[in-house]
Amino acid sequence: MPEGGLIRSLGGPRTSVIALGVLLLFLAGVLAMLLADPARGVWGEDGLIEESQVLIWAQSGLIGLAFWWACRAPRQRWLVFWLGLLAALAGARELDLHIRLNPQSLGEWGVRYRLDWWTDGQVPLKVKAAWAGAAVALGLALSVPPMLARPRPFRWLRRGHLASWLLSCAFACLALGWVMDDVLRGAFESHVQLDVEELAELAGAVLFLFAVLFWISEPPE
């Protein structure tokens, strides 16, 4: 197997220590949720599985952003930053933070994700400008790092780079969760649809977390 391939990607002591710390933090978070609400259900909104996803996304985001400047190569640095940002946004989405940006929560400075809000003359121009600036900044943060990192996903996959395969599988699981939630909603019994959706999203979050860990330990060449 070529240098930097699957076996070497399993990482060394640093990856093991980080993975153990992440696991302990995750278990501590789950235990705290159970102690705070012993009757907490496993499935559904605010269930144990959904809240666990938030913990995992938070860990992925913190690890990725924390190791941004610690990475040795500039390309690896930008790619790790991008992964951390994706994880942070996924965690925010699980918490439905985008809904809390509406006028009911933020008053005059709230935003609506509709064209008629942007064309409404009663909405102050300064509010529209602020949210347009935020959207542009987020778009740049999501698009510039991959361009600077110049990823070679097909080459990395062919060479058996473990983090690349984990990330691909994570995206596949998350896509399955999205399809079950937004495309096939109503096609199955509600409990079946919810079970598959939540398990797919949980698997995607876990795979993403380990992809970040292995990427830090052994970046692709």
C-alpha atoms as a PDB file:
ATOM      1  CA  MET A   1       0.000   0.000   0.000  1.00  0.00           C
ATOM      2  CA  PRO A   2       1.374   3.474  -0.847  1.00  0.00           C
ATOM      3  CA  GLU A   3       2.633   5.787   1.823  1.00  0.00           C
ATOM      4  CA  GLY A   4      -0.228   7.684   3.453  1.00  0.00           C
ATOM      5  CA  GLY A   5      -2.689   4.887   2.613  1.00  0.00           C
ATOM      6  CA  LEU A   6      -5.285   3.118   4.691  1.00  0.00           C
ATOM      7  CA  ILE A   7      -3.047   1.367   7.241  1.00  0.00           C
ATOM      8  CA  ARG A   8      -0.914   4.407   7.972  1.00  0.00           C
ATOM      9  CA  SER A   9      -4.054   6.526   8.217  1.00  0.00           C
ATOM     10  CA  LEU A  10      -5.081   4.634  11.327  1.00  0.00           C
ATOM     11  CA  GLY A  11      -2.906   7.161  13.129  1.00  0.00           C
ATOM     12  CA  GLY A  12      -0.669   7.024  16.135  1.00  0.00           C
ATOM     13  CA  PRO A  13      -0.816   7.812  19.837  1.00  0.00           C
ATOM     14  CA  ARG A  14      -2.042  11.347  19.258  1.00  0.00           C
ATOM     15  CA  THR A  15      -5.157  10.150  17.448  1.00  0.00           C
ATOM     16  CA  SER A  16      -5.817   7.547  20.153  1.00  0.00           C
ATOM     17  CA  VAL A  17      -5.595  10.113  22.945  1.00  0.00           C
ATOM     18  CA  ILE A  18      -7.844  12.573  21.134  1.00  0.00           C
ATOM     19  CA  ALA A  19     -10.367   9.853  20.255  1.00  0.00           C
ATOM     20  CA  LEU A  20     -10.467   8.668  23.877  1.00  0.00           C
ATOM     21  CA  GLY A  21     -10.989  12.214  25.126  1.00  0.00           C
ATOM     22  CA  VAL A  22     -13.776  12.795  22.606  1.00  0.00           C
ATOM     23  CA  LEU A  23     -15.459   9.536  23.615  1.00  0.00           C
ATOM     24  CA  LEU A  24     -15.307  10.419  27.319  1.00  0.00           C
ATOM     25  CA  LEU A  25     -16.731  13.888  26.678  1.00  0.00           C
ATOM     26  CA  PHE A  26     -19.516  12.396  24.597  1.00  0.00           C
ATOM     27  CA  LEU A  27     -20.412   9.842  27.265  1.00  0.00           C
ATOM     28  CA  ALA A  28     -20.339  12.572  29.903  1.00  0.00           C
ATOM     29  CA  GLY A  29     -22.739  14.637  27.805  1.00  0.00           C
ATOM     30  CA  VAL A  30     -25.140  11.721  27.351  1.00  0.00           C
ATOM     31  CA  LEU A  31     -25.012  10.967  31.073  1.00  0.00           C
ATOM     32  CA  ALA A  32     -25.738  14.617  31.885  1.00  0.00           C
ATOM     33  CA  MET A  33     -28.789  14.554  29.606  1.00  0.00           C
ATOM     34  CA  LEU A  34     -30.095  11.395  31.269  1.00  0.00           C
ATOM     35  CA  LEU A  35     -29.561  12.813  34.767  1.00  0.00           C
ATOM     36  CA  ALA A  36     -31.266  16.064  33.837  1.00  0.00           C
ATOM     37  CA  ASP A  37     -34.276  14.242  32.385  1.00  0.00           C
ATOM     38  CA  PRO A  38     -34.489  10.527  33.348  1.00  0.00           C
ATOM     39  CA  ALA A  39     -37.680  10.163  31.303  1.00  0.00           C
ATOM     40  CA  ARG A  40     -36.038  11.447  28.123  1.00  0.00           C
ATOM     41  CA  GLY A  41     -37.056   9.330  25.146  1.00  0.00           C
ATOM     42  CA  VAL A  42     -34.672   7.844  22.609  1.00  0.00           C
ATOM     43  CA  TRP A  43     -36.441   8.824  19.381  1.00  0.00           C
ATOM     44  CA  GLY A  44     -38.206  11.941  18.175  1.00  0.00           C
ATOM     45  CA  GLU A  45     -37.633  15.624  18.726  1.00  0.00           C
ATOM     46  CA  ASP A  46     -35.273  16.317  21.629  1.00  0.00           C
ATOM     47  CA  GLY A  47     -34.775  12.577  22.062  1.00  0.00           C
ATOM     48  CA  LEU A  48     -31.504  11.034  23.142  1.00  0.00           C
ATOM     49  CA  ILE A  49     -30.412  10.209  19.580  1.00  0.00           C
ATOM     50  CA  GLU A  50     -31.083  13.695  18.232  1.00  0.00           C
ATOM     51  CA  GLU A  51     -29.403  15.399  21.188  1.00  0.00           C
ATOM     52  CA  SER A  52     -26.434  13.043  20.846  1.00  0.00           C
ATOM     53  CA  GLN A  53     -26.024  14.254  17.274  1.00  0.00           C
ATOM     54  CA  VAL A  54     -25.702  17.811  18.563  1.00  0.00           C
ATOM     55  CA  LEU A  55     -22.940  16.722  20.961  1.00  0.00           C
ATOM     56  CA  ILE A  56     -21.061  14.938  18.186  1.00  0.00           C
ATOM     57  CA  TRP A  57     -21.331  17.856  15.767  1.00  0.00           C
ATOM     58  CA  ALA A  58     -20.139  20.214  18.487  1.00  0.00           C
ATOM     59  CA  GLN A  59     -17.117  18.005  19.126  1.00  0.00           C
ATOM     60  CA  SER A  60     -16.288  17.814  15.418  1.00  0.00           C
ATOM     61  CA  GLY A  61     -16.573  21.576  15.078  1.00  0.00           C
ATOM     62  CA  LEU A  62     -14.442  22.341  18.122  1.00  0.00           C
ATOM     63  CA  ILE A  63     -11.744  19.855  17.108  1.00  0.00           C
ATOM     64  CA  GLY A  64     -11.609  21.092  13.527  1.00  0.00           C
ATOM     65  CA  LEU A  65     -11.483  24.772  14.423  1.00  0.00           C
ATOM     66  CA  ALA A  66      -9.085  24.221  17.346  1.00  0.00           C
ATOM     67  CA  PHE A  67      -6.592  22.381  15.139  1.00  0.00           C
ATOM     68  CA  TRP A  68      -6.814  24.967  12.354  1.00  0.00           C
ATOM     69  CA  TRP A  69      -3.573  26.710  13.287  1.00  0.00           C
ATOM     70  CA  ALA A  70      -1.941  23.596  14.718  1.00  0.00           C
ATOM     71  CA  CYS A  71      -1.915  21.820  11.358  1.00  0.00           C
ATOM     72  CA  ARG A  72       1.459  21.668   9.681  1.00  0.00           C
ATOM     73  CA  ALA A  73       0.600  22.204   6.022  1.00  0.00           C
ATOM     74  CA  PRO A  74      -1.482  25.154   4.757  1.00  0.00           C
ATOM     75  CA  ARG A  75      -3.652  22.884   2.615  1.00  0.00           C
ATOM     76  CA  GLN A  76      -4.437  20.637   5.563  1.00  0.00           C
ATOM     77  CA  ARG A  77      -5.109  23.689   7.729  1.00  0.00           C
ATOM     78  CA  TRP A  78      -7.769  25.056   5.399  1.00  0.00           C
ATOM     79  CA  LEU A  79      -9.400  21.689   4.890  1.00  0.00           C
ATOM     80  CA  VAL A  80      -9.619  21.058   8.630  1.00  0.00           C
ATOM     81  CA  PHE A  81     -11.089  24.537   9.118  1.00  0.00           C
ATOM     82  CA  TRP A  82     -13.687  23.783   6.442  1.00  0.00           C
ATOM     83  CA  LEU A  83     -14.643  20.497   8.099  1.00  0.00           C
ATOM     84  CA  GLY A  84     -14.932  22.204  11.476  1.00  0.00           C
ATOM     85  CA  LEU A  85     -17.161  24.895   9.996  1.00  0.00           C
ATOM     86  CA  LEU A  86     -19.393  22.294   8.331  1.00  0.00           C
ATOM     87  CA  ALA A  87     -19.741  20.486  11.655  1.00  0.00           C
ATOM     88  CA  ALA A  88     -20.588  23.717  13.492  1.00  0.00           C
ATOM     89  CA  LEU A  89     -23.287  24.540  10.936  1.00  0.00           C
ATOM     90  CA  ALA A  90     -24.692  20.995  11.114  1.00  0.00           C
ATOM     91  CA  GLY A  91     -24.905  21.261  14.896  1.00  0.00           C
ATOM     92  CA  ALA A  92     -26.636  24.630  14.623  1.00  0.00           C
ATOM     93  CA  ARG A  93     -29.082  23.091  12.151  1.00  0.00           C
ATOM     94  CA  GLU A  94     -29.865  20.244  14.558  1.00  0.00           C
ATOM     95  CA  LEU A  95     -30.646  22.860  17.209  1.00  0.00           C
ATOM     96  CA  ASP A  96     -32.829  24.754  14.706  1.00  0.00           C
ATOM     97  CA  LEU A  97     -30.886  27.929  15.429  1.00  0.00           C
ATOM     98  CA  HIS A  98     -31.805  29.288  12.004  1.00  0.00           C
ATOM     99  CA  ILE A  99     -35.425  29.468  13.136  1.00  0.00           C
ATOM    100  CA  ARG A 100     -34.423  31.587  16.131  1.00  0.00           C
ATOM    101  CA  LEU A 101     -33.075  34.275  13.829  1.00  0.00           C
ATOM    102  CA  ASN A 102     -36.599  35.319  12.847  1.00  0.00           C
ATOM    103  CA  PRO A 103     -38.304  38.584  13.933  1.00  0.00           C
ATOM    104  CA  GLN A 104     -40.223  36.767  16.687  1.00  0.00           C
ATOM    105  CA  SER A 105     -36.911  36.122  18.437  1.00  0.00           C
ATOM    106  CA  LEU A 106     -34.742  39.062  17.344  1.00  0.00           C
ATOM    107  CA  GLY A 107     -37.382  41.706  16.807  1.00  0.00           C
ATOM    108  CA  GLU A 108     -36.429  44.344  14.254  1.00  0.00           C
ATOM    109  CA  TRP A 109     -33.129  42.605  13.495  1.00  0.00           C
ATOM    110  CA  GLY A 110     -34.711  39.248  12.688  1.00  0.00           C
ATOM    111  CA  VAL A 111     -34.540  37.765   9.208  1.00  0.00           C
ATOM    112  CA  ARG A 112     -37.006  35.840   7.065  1.00  0.00           C
ATOM    113  CA  TYR A 113     -35.855  33.377   4.424  1.00  0.00           C
ATOM    114  CA  ARG A 114     -38.326  34.578   1.802  1.00  0.00           C
ATOM    115  CA  LEU A 115     -38.024  36.841  -1.214  1.00  0.00           C
ATOM    116  CA  ASP A 116     -40.936  39.023  -0.098  1.00  0.00           C
ATOM    117  CA  TRP A 117     -39.005  39.906   3.094  1.00  0.00           C
ATOM    118  CA  TRP A 118     -36.139  41.273   1.017  1.00  0.00           C
ATOM    119  CA  THR A 119     -38.490  43.271  -1.212  1.00  0.00           C
ATOM    120  CA  ASP A 120     -40.600  44.552   1.680  1.00  0.00           C
ATOM    121  CA  GLY A 121     -40.103  48.308   1.928  1.00  0.00           C
ATOM    122  CA  GLN A 122     -41.027  48.297   5.620  1.00  0.00           C
ATOM    123  CA  VAL A 123     -37.933  46.261   6.524  1.00  0.00           C
ATOM    124  CA  PRO A 124     -35.090  48.700   7.304  1.00  0.00           C
ATOM    125  CA  LEU A 125     -32.311  48.767   4.738  1.00  0.00           C
ATOM    126  CA  LYS A 126     -29.682  48.419   7.461  1.00  0.00           C
ATOM    127  CA  VAL A 127     -31.193  45.089   8.538  1.00  0.00           C
ATOM    128  CA  LYS A 128     -31.201  43.754   4.984  1.00  0.00           C
ATOM    129  CA  ALA A 129     -27.610  44.928   4.494  1.00  0.00           C
ATOM    130  CA  ALA A 130     -26.493  43.257   7.734  1.00  0.00           C
ATOM    131  CA  TRP A 131     -28.012  39.893   6.800  1.00  0.00           C
ATOM    132  CA  ALA A 132     -26.773  40.143   3.217  1.00  0.00           C
ATOM    133  CA  GLY A 133     -23.283  40.737   4.607  1.00  0.00           C
ATOM    134  CA  ALA A 134     -23.650  37.754   6.927  1.00  0.00           C
ATOM    135  CA  ALA A 135     -24.774  35.567   4.009  1.00  0.00           C
ATOM    136  CA  VAL A 136     -21.819  36.674   1.876  1.00  0.00           C
ATOM    137  CA  ALA A 137     -19.385  36.061   4.756  1.00  0.00           C
ATOM    138  CA  LEU A 138     -20.793  32.575   5.318  1.00  0.00           C
ATOM    139  CA  GLY A 139     -20.644  31.815   1.612  1.00  0.00           C
ATOM    140  CA  LEU A 140     -17.004  32.873   1.465  1.00  0.00           C
ATOM    141  CA  ALA A 141     -16.176  30.848   4.590  1.00  0.00           C
ATOM    142  CA  LEU A 142     -17.686  27.759   2.953  1.00  0.00           C
ATOM    143  CA  SER A 143     -16.224  28.231  -0.528  1.00  0.00           C
ATOM    144  CA  VAL A 144     -12.754  29.771  -0.054  1.00  0.00           C
ATOM    145  CA  PRO A 145     -11.140  27.094   2.204  1.00  0.00           C
ATOM    146  CA  PRO A 146     -11.771  24.232  -0.272  1.00  0.00           C
ATOM    147  CA  MET A 147     -10.306  26.356  -3.066  1.00  0.00           C
ATOM    148  CA  LEU A 148      -7.194  27.061  -0.985  1.00  0.00           C
ATOM    149  CA  ALA A 149      -6.909  23.413   0.070  1.00  0.00           C
ATOM    150  CA  ARG A 150      -7.266  22.171  -3.528  1.00  0.00           C
ATOM    151  CA  PRO A 151      -8.663  18.779  -2.471  1.00  0.00           C
ATOM    152  CA  ARG A 152      -8.130  15.679  -4.605  1.00  0.00           C
ATOM    153  CA  PRO A 153     -10.959  13.455  -3.373  1.00  0.00           C
ATOM    154  CA  PHE A 154     -10.843  10.815  -6.110  1.00  0.00           C
ATOM    155  CA  ARG A 155      -7.080  10.422  -5.787  1.00  0.00           C
ATOM    156  CA  TRP A 156      -7.331  10.149  -2.006  1.00  0.00           C
ATOM    157  CA  LEU A 157     -10.095   7.572  -2.270  1.00  0.00           C
ATOM    158  CA  ARG A 158      -8.142   5.512  -4.779  1.00  0.00           C
ATOM    159  CA  ARG A 159      -5.127   5.534  -2.465  1.00  0.00           C
ATOM    160  CA  GLY A 160      -7.254   4.268   0.419  1.00  0.00           C
ATOM    161  CA  HIS A 161      -7.007   7.366   2.614  1.00  0.00           C
ATOM    162  CA  LEU A 162      -9.192   6.430   5.576  1.00  0.00           C
ATOM    163  CA  ALA A 163     -10.434   9.934   6.451  1.00  0.00           C
ATOM    164  CA  SER A 164     -11.579  10.471   2.850  1.00  0.00           C
ATOM    165  CA  TRP A 165     -13.567   7.233   2.915  1.00  0.00           C
ATOM    166  CA  LEU A 166     -15.061   8.075   6.302  1.00  0.00           C
ATOM    167  CA  LEU A 167     -16.088  11.506   5.057  1.00  0.00           C
ATOM    168  CA  SER A 168     -17.663  10.037   1.913  1.00  0.00           C
ATOM    169  CA  CYS A 169     -19.647   7.551   3.998  1.00  0.00           C
ATOM    170  CA  ALA A 170     -20.689  10.357   6.361  1.00  0.00           C
ATOM    171  CA  PHE A 171     -22.080  12.418   3.479  1.00  0.00           C
ATOM    172  CA  ALA A 172     -23.914   9.332   2.161  1.00  0.00           C
ATOM    173  CA  CYS A 173     -25.564   8.704   5.548  1.00  0.00           C
ATOM    174  CA  LEU A 174     -26.528  12.352   5.929  1.00  0.00           C
ATOM    175  CA  ALA A 175     -27.988  12.326   2.412  1.00  0.00           C
ATOM    176  CA  LEU A 176     -30.077   9.277   3.356  1.00  0.00           C
ATOM    177  CA  GLY A 177     -31.355  11.099   6.431  1.00  0.00           C
ATOM    178  CA  TRP A 178     -32.292  14.114   4.303  1.00  0.00           C
ATOM    179  CA  VAL A 179     -34.100  11.930   1.751  1.00  0.00           C
ATOM    180  CA  MET A 180     -36.099  10.185   4.475  1.00  0.00           C
ATOM    181  CA  ASP A 181     -37.019  13.503   6.081  1.00  0.00           C
ATOM    182  CA  ASP A 182     -37.724  15.765   3.089  1.00  0.00           C
ATOM    183  CA  VAL A 183     -38.245  13.529   0.042  1.00  0.00           C
ATOM    184  CA  LEU A 184     -39.870  10.318   1.275  1.00  0.00           C
ATOM    185  CA  ARG A 185     -41.818  11.801   4.169  1.00  0.00           C
ATOM    186  CA  GLY A 186     -45.136   9.958   4.323  1.00  0.00           C
ATOM    187  CA  ALA A 187     -43.932   7.091   2.114  1.00  0.00           C
ATOM    188  CA  PHE A 188     -43.391   4.847   5.150  1.00  0.00           C
ATOM    189  CA  GLU A 189     -45.000   4.442   8.529  1.00  0.00           C
ATOM    190  CA  SER A 190     -44.015   7.376  10.693  1.00  0.00           C
ATOM    191  CA  HIS A 191     -41.968   5.358  13.194  1.00  0.00           C
ATOM    192  CA  VAL A 192     -40.041   3.597  10.398  1.00  0.00           C
ATOM    193  CA  GLN A 193     -39.286   6.884   8.656  1.00  0.00           C
ATOM    194  CA  LEU A 194     -38.152   8.468  11.919  1.00  0.00           C
ATOM    195  CA  ASP A 195     -35.999   5.483  12.921  1.00  0.00           C
ATOM    196  CA  VAL A 196     -34.147   5.374   9.615  1.00  0.00           C
ATOM    197  CA  GLU A 197     -33.753   9.145   9.486  1.00  0.00           C
ATOM    198  CA  GLU A 198     -32.350   9.498  12.996  1.00  0.00           C
ATOM    199  CA  LEU A 199     -30.039   6.478  12.734  1.00  0.00           C
ATOM    200  CA  ALA A 200     -28.708   7.628   9.355  1.00  0.00           C
ATOM    201  CA  GLU A 201     -28.036  11.123  10.681  1.00  0.00           C
ATOM    202  CA  LEU A 202     -26.390   9.732  13.823  1.00  0.00           C
ATOM    203  CA  ALA A 203     -24.164   7.455  11.731  1.00  0.00           C
ATOM    204  CA  GLY A 204     -23.264  10.397   9.501  1.00  0.00           C
ATOM    205  CA  ALA A 205     -22.308  12.546  12.487  1.00  0.00           C
ATOM    206  CA  VAL A 206     -20.139   9.779  14.007  1.00  0.00           C
ATOM    207  CA  LEU A 207     -18.372   9.056  10.705  1.00  0.00           C
ATOM    208  CA  PHE A 208     -17.759  12.774  10.200  1.00  0.00           C
ATOM    209  CA  LEU A 209     -16.216  13.063  13.673  1.00  0.00           C
ATOM    210  CA  PHE A 210     -13.779  10.225  13.024  1.00  0.00           C
ATOM    211  CA  ALA A 211     -12.985  11.648   9.599  1.00  0.00           C
ATOM    212  CA  VAL A 212     -11.891  14.889  11.279  1.00  0.00           C
ATOM    213  CA  LEU A 213      -9.803  12.988  13.839  1.00  0.00           C
ATOM    214  CA  PHE A 214      -7.978  10.904  11.246  1.00  0.00           C
ATOM    215  CA  TRP A 215      -7.522  13.880   8.946  1.00  0.00           C
ATOM    216  CA  ILE A 216      -5.671  15.719  11.700  1.00  0.00           C
ATOM    217  CA  SER A 217      -3.530  12.685  12.478  1.00  0.00           C
ATOM    218  CA  GLU A 218      -2.634  11.768   8.887  1.00  0.00           C
ATOM    219  CA  PRO A 219      -3.454  14.316   6.179  1.00  0.00           C
ATOM    220  CA  PRO A 220      -3.615  13.078   2.585  1.00  0.00           C
ATOM    221  CA  GLU A 221      -0.729  13.793   0.260  1.00  0.00           C
END
